[in-house]
Amino acid sequence: MDRNLISSTLKSLRKEHKLTQVDLALKSGVGLNFVRELEQGKATVRMDKVAQVFDLFDYELVPQKKMK
């Protein structure tokens, strides 16, 4: 899974919906530090919380074969 793709997608969605990081944290039910770390591509974020944040935008995380 490409952390850069996840973090850049989240940041784009947040900006598209005109949300601050604080707004996103409150609306998705996670902490502000988690949102910051997720947008920075931190490798050790909890996947259940990543899914929780993306659910706000009707996105889901799915396993897929790596593209070469």
N, C-alpha and C. Protein backbone atom coordinates (compact mmCIF):
# COMPACT_ATOMS: atom_id res chain seq x y z
N MET A 1 0.85 -1.17 0.00
CA MET A 1 0.00 0.00 0.00
C MET A 1 0.89 1.23 0.00
N ASP A 2 0.57 2.15 -0.83
CA ASP A 2 1.40 3.34 -0.98
C ASP A 2 0.96 4.42 0.00
N ARG A 3 1.80 4.65 1.03
CA ARG A 3 1.47 5.66 2.04
C ARG A 3 1.32 7.04 1.42
N ASN A 4 2.15 7.33 0.42
CA ASN A 4 2.07 8.65 -0.21
C ASN A 4 0.74 8.85 -0.91
N LEU A 5 0.23 7.81 -1.54
CA LEU A 5 -1.07 7.90 -2.20
C LEU A 5 -2.18 8.12 -1.19
N ILE A 6 -2.12 7.41 -0.07
CA ILE A 6 -3.14 7.58 0.97
C ILE A 6 -3.09 8.98 1.54
N SER A 7 -1.91 9.45 1.89
CA SER A 7 -1.81 10.78 2.50
C SER A 7 -2.19 11.88 1.52
N SER A 8 -1.76 11.77 0.27
CA SER A 8 -2.09 12.82 -0.70
C SER A 8 -3.58 12.81 -1.05
N THR A 9 -4.18 11.62 -1.11
CA THR A 9 -5.62 11.52 -1.38
C THR A 9 -6.41 12.15 -0.26
N LEU A 10 -6.04 11.83 0.96
CA LEU A 10 -6.75 12.39 2.11
C LEU A 10 -6.64 13.91 2.13
N LYS A 11 -5.45 14.42 1.93
CA LYS A 11 -5.25 15.86 1.95
C LYS A 11 -6.07 16.54 0.85
N SER A 12 -6.10 15.95 -0.33
CA SER A 12 -6.90 16.50 -1.44
C SER A 12 -8.39 16.50 -1.11
N LEU A 13 -8.87 15.39 -0.56
CA LEU A 13 -10.29 15.30 -0.20
C LEU A 13 -10.64 16.33 0.87
N ARG A 14 -9.76 16.47 1.85
CA ARG A 14 -10.00 17.43 2.93
C ARG A 14 -10.10 18.85 2.37
N LYS A 15 -9.18 19.20 1.49
CA LYS A 15 -9.19 20.55 0.92
C LYS A 15 -10.38 20.74 -0.02
N GLU A 16 -10.71 19.71 -0.78
CA GLU A 16 -11.86 19.77 -1.69
C GLU A 16 -13.15 20.05 -0.93
N HIS A 17 -13.25 19.50 0.26
CA HIS A 17 -14.43 19.69 1.10
C HIS A 17 -14.29 20.87 2.05
N LYS A 18 -13.22 21.64 1.85
CA LYS A 18 -12.97 22.87 2.63
C LYS A 18 -12.95 22.61 4.14
N LEU A 19 -12.24 21.55 4.52
CA LEU A 19 -12.11 21.20 5.93
C LEU A 19 -10.69 21.49 6.40
N THR A 20 -10.57 21.98 7.60
CA THR A 20 -9.26 22.08 8.22
C THR A 20 -8.92 20.71 8.80
N GLN A 21 -7.70 20.53 9.25
CA GLN A 21 -7.34 19.28 9.90
C GLN A 21 -8.16 19.11 11.18
N VAL A 22 -8.42 20.20 11.87
CA VAL A 22 -9.24 20.14 13.09
C VAL A 22 -10.65 19.68 12.74
N ASP A 23 -11.24 20.27 11.70
CA ASP A 23 -12.58 19.88 11.26
C ASP A 23 -12.63 18.39 10.93
N LEU A 24 -11.64 17.93 10.18
CA LEU A 24 -11.60 16.53 9.77
C LEU A 24 -11.51 15.62 10.98
N ALA A 25 -10.67 15.97 11.92
CA ALA A 25 -10.53 15.16 13.14
C ALA A 25 -11.86 15.08 13.89
N LEU A 26 -12.51 16.21 14.05
CA LEU A 26 -13.78 16.23 14.78
C LEU A 26 -14.87 15.45 14.06
N LYS A 27 -14.99 15.66 12.76
CA LYS A 27 -16.06 15.01 11.99
C LYS A 27 -15.86 13.51 11.85
N SER A 28 -14.61 13.07 11.82
CA SER A 28 -14.36 11.65 11.62
C SER A 28 -14.15 10.90 12.94
N GLY A 29 -14.03 11.64 14.04
CA GLY A 29 -13.92 11.00 15.34
C GLY A 29 -12.54 10.50 15.70
N VAL A 30 -11.51 11.09 15.10
CA VAL A 30 -10.14 10.74 15.45
C VAL A 30 -9.45 11.98 16.00
N GLY A 31 -8.26 11.81 16.52
CA GLY A 31 -7.53 12.93 17.07
C GLY A 31 -6.82 13.75 16.01
N LEU A 32 -6.56 15.00 16.34
CA LEU A 32 -5.87 15.90 15.43
C LEU A 32 -4.47 15.37 15.10
N ASN A 33 -3.76 14.86 16.08
CA ASN A 33 -2.42 14.32 15.81
C ASN A 33 -2.48 13.17 14.81
N PHE A 34 -3.53 12.36 14.91
CA PHE A 34 -3.68 11.26 13.96
C PHE A 34 -3.83 11.79 12.54
N VAL A 35 -4.67 12.81 12.36
CA VAL A 35 -4.87 13.39 11.03
C VAL A 35 -3.55 13.95 10.51
N ARG A 36 -2.82 14.64 11.34
CA ARG A 36 -1.54 15.21 10.92
C ARG A 36 -0.57 14.11 10.51
N GLU A 37 -0.47 13.06 11.32
CA GLU A 37 0.44 11.97 11.00
C GLU A 37 0.01 11.24 9.72
N LEU A 38 -1.27 11.08 9.54
CA LEU A 38 -1.79 10.42 8.34
C LEU A 38 -1.45 11.23 7.10
N GLU A 39 -1.66 12.53 7.15
CA GLU A 39 -1.34 13.38 6.01
C GLU A 39 0.16 13.46 5.74
N GLN A 40 0.97 13.20 6.76
CA GLN A 40 2.43 13.21 6.59
C GLN A 40 2.95 11.85 6.14
N GLY A 41 2.07 10.86 6.05
CA GLY A 41 2.47 9.54 5.58
C GLY A 41 3.17 8.68 6.61
N LYS A 42 2.89 8.91 7.88
CA LYS A 42 3.52 8.11 8.93
C LYS A 42 3.19 6.63 8.73
N ALA A 43 4.19 5.81 8.85
CA ALA A 43 4.05 4.39 8.54
C ALA A 43 3.29 3.58 9.58
N THR A 44 3.16 4.09 10.79
CA THR A 44 2.60 3.28 11.87
C THR A 44 1.19 3.68 12.29
N VAL A 45 0.44 4.32 11.42
CA VAL A 45 -0.93 4.69 11.78
C VAL A 45 -1.81 3.44 11.80
N ARG A 46 -2.86 3.47 12.59
CA ARG A 46 -3.78 2.33 12.70
C ARG A 46 -4.73 2.31 11.51
N MET A 47 -4.79 1.18 10.86
CA MET A 47 -5.61 1.05 9.65
C MET A 47 -7.10 1.22 9.94
N ASP A 48 -7.57 0.81 11.11
CA ASP A 48 -8.98 0.99 11.41
C ASP A 48 -9.33 2.48 11.47
N LYS A 49 -8.40 3.28 11.99
CA LYS A 49 -8.65 4.72 12.05
C LYS A 49 -8.52 5.36 10.67
N VAL A 50 -7.61 4.86 9.85
CA VAL A 50 -7.49 5.36 8.47
C VAL A 50 -8.82 5.12 7.75
N ALA A 51 -9.36 3.93 7.89
CA ALA A 51 -10.64 3.60 7.27
C ALA A 51 -11.75 4.50 7.81
N GLN A 52 -11.71 4.79 9.09
CA GLN A 52 -12.72 5.66 9.73
C GLN A 52 -12.69 7.06 9.12
N VAL A 53 -11.50 7.59 8.88
CA VAL A 53 -11.38 8.93 8.29
C VAL A 53 -11.87 8.92 6.85
N PHE A 54 -11.46 7.92 6.07
CA PHE A 54 -11.87 7.87 4.67
C PHE A 54 -13.37 7.61 4.53
N ASP A 55 -13.98 6.96 5.50
CA ASP A 55 -15.42 6.72 5.47
C ASP A 55 -16.21 8.02 5.43
N LEU A 56 -15.67 9.06 6.01
CA LEU A 56 -16.32 10.37 5.99
C LEU A 56 -16.56 10.85 4.56
N PHE A 57 -15.66 10.45 3.64
CA PHE A 57 -15.76 10.87 2.24
C PHE A 57 -16.33 9.76 1.34
N ASP A 58 -16.89 8.72 1.95
CA ASP A 58 -17.42 7.56 1.23
C ASP A 58 -16.35 6.83 0.43
N TYR A 59 -15.15 6.76 0.99
CA TYR A 59 -14.05 5.99 0.41
C TYR A 59 -13.81 4.78 1.30
N GLU A 60 -13.26 3.74 0.71
CA GLU A 60 -12.89 2.59 1.51
C GLU A 60 -11.50 2.11 1.09
N LEU A 61 -10.83 1.48 2.02
CA LEU A 61 -9.53 0.90 1.73
C LEU A 61 -9.73 -0.55 1.33
N VAL A 62 -9.16 -0.92 0.21
CA VAL A 62 -9.31 -2.29 -0.25
C VAL A 62 -7.95 -2.84 -0.66
N PRO A 63 -7.73 -4.11 -0.41
CA PRO A 63 -6.48 -4.71 -0.87
C PRO A 63 -6.52 -4.88 -2.39
N GLN A 64 -5.41 -4.62 -3.00
CA GLN A 64 -5.34 -4.84 -4.43
C GLN A 64 -3.93 -5.22 -4.80
N LYS A 65 -3.78 -5.88 -5.91
CA LYS A 65 -2.48 -6.31 -6.37
C LYS A 65 -1.64 -5.08 -6.72
N LYS A 66 -0.37 -5.14 -6.38
CA LYS A 66 0.52 -4.04 -6.68
C LYS A 66 0.64 -3.82 -8.18
N MET A 67 0.69 -2.58 -8.56
CA MET A 67 0.86 -2.23 -9.96
C MET A 67 2.36 -2.17 -10.24
N LYS A 68 2.77 -2.69 -11.36
CA LYS A 68 4.20 -2.70 -11.71
C LYS A 68 4.51 -1.70 -12.77
